[in-house]
Amino acid sequence: MIATKYGVSDEWTGRVETTIIDHLKLWGEWEEAPVPSEQIINGHTVSNIRIEQAYKGNFHLFVTIDGKERDQ
């Protein structure tokens, strides 16, 4: 990624990416790919993958791995 190459922080690249995607959605130019309901990764069952915006604009990644909810 060019931003990483030039030392732009993940925080800023995430903000820019989110803004671009939001504009594309408003203009009807963004079609989200369907997320598979369940996958097997390294022998683990992975499902219910989602990102949610929390307080103060932080984002959390949620996923269910082998039946247990996890977040990052």
Protein backbone atom coordinates (compact mmCIF):
# COMPACT_ATOMS: atom_id res chain seq x y z
CA MET A 1 0.00 0.00 0.00
CA ILE A 2 1.31 3.41 -0.92
CA ALA A 3 0.24 5.03 2.36
CA THR A 4 2.23 2.49 4.39
CA LYS A 5 5.24 2.99 2.14
CA TYR A 6 5.24 6.70 2.96
CA GLY A 7 4.62 6.29 6.69
CA VAL A 8 0.96 7.26 6.88
CA SER A 9 -0.54 5.80 10.06
CA ASP A 10 -3.19 3.08 9.98
CA GLU A 11 -5.55 5.48 11.74
CA TRP A 12 -5.41 7.98 8.87
CA THR A 13 -5.53 5.42 6.08
CA GLY A 14 -8.59 3.88 7.75
CA ARG A 15 -10.30 7.27 7.97
CA VAL A 16 -9.59 8.08 4.33
CA GLU A 17 -10.73 4.64 3.18
CA THR A 18 -13.96 4.91 5.19
CA THR A 19 -14.68 8.37 3.77
CA ILE A 20 -14.12 7.20 0.19
CA ILE A 21 -16.33 4.15 0.66
CA ASP A 22 -19.08 6.26 2.28
CA HIS A 23 -19.07 8.62 -0.71
CA LEU A 24 -19.15 5.75 -3.19
CA LYS A 25 -22.15 4.27 -1.36
CA LEU A 26 -23.98 7.64 -1.45
CA TRP A 27 -23.37 7.87 -5.18
CA GLY A 28 -24.58 4.30 -5.74
CA GLU A 29 -21.17 3.19 -6.97
CA TRP A 30 -20.33 0.74 -4.17
CA GLU A 31 -21.64 -2.79 -4.11
CA GLU A 32 -20.61 -4.70 -1.03
CA ALA A 33 -19.52 -8.25 -1.64
CA PRO A 34 -21.53 -10.75 0.37
CA VAL A 35 -19.63 -12.09 3.36
CA PRO A 36 -19.66 -15.89 3.51
CA SER A 37 -21.74 -17.04 6.47
CA GLU A 38 -19.11 -19.51 7.62
CA GLN A 39 -15.54 -20.41 6.69
CA ILE A 40 -12.97 -22.94 7.83
CA ILE A 41 -9.60 -21.28 8.45
CA ASN A 42 -6.68 -23.34 9.76
CA GLY A 43 -9.13 -25.92 11.08
CA HIS A 44 -11.27 -23.37 12.95
CA THR A 45 -14.87 -22.50 12.11
CA VAL A 46 -15.11 -18.74 11.56
CA SER A 47 -18.46 -16.97 11.20
CA ASN A 48 -20.38 -13.76 11.89
CA ILE A 49 -17.51 -11.46 10.86
CA ARG A 50 -18.39 -7.78 11.24
CA ILE A 51 -16.99 -4.35 12.05
CA GLU A 52 -18.90 -2.00 14.32
CA GLN A 53 -18.20 1.63 15.13
CA ALA A 54 -17.93 2.29 18.84
CA TYR A 55 -17.85 5.39 21.00
CA LYS A 56 -15.56 8.21 19.77
CA GLY A 57 -15.37 6.72 16.28
CA ASN A 58 -13.27 3.68 17.15
CA PHE A 59 -13.96 0.51 15.21
CA HIS A 60 -14.13 -3.00 16.61
CA LEU A 61 -13.78 -6.23 14.66
CA PHE A 62 -16.10 -8.98 15.88
CA VAL A 63 -15.99 -12.62 14.84
CA THR A 64 -17.19 -15.96 16.11
CA ILE A 65 -14.44 -18.59 16.19
CA ASP A 66 -15.40 -22.17 17.03
CA GLY A 67 -18.64 -20.88 18.55
CA LYS A 68 -17.04 -18.25 20.80
CA GLU A 69 -17.52 -14.51 20.18
CA ARG A 70 -14.24 -12.58 19.90
CA ASP A 71 -13.46 -8.89 19.41
CA GLN A 72 -10.40 -6.81 18.66
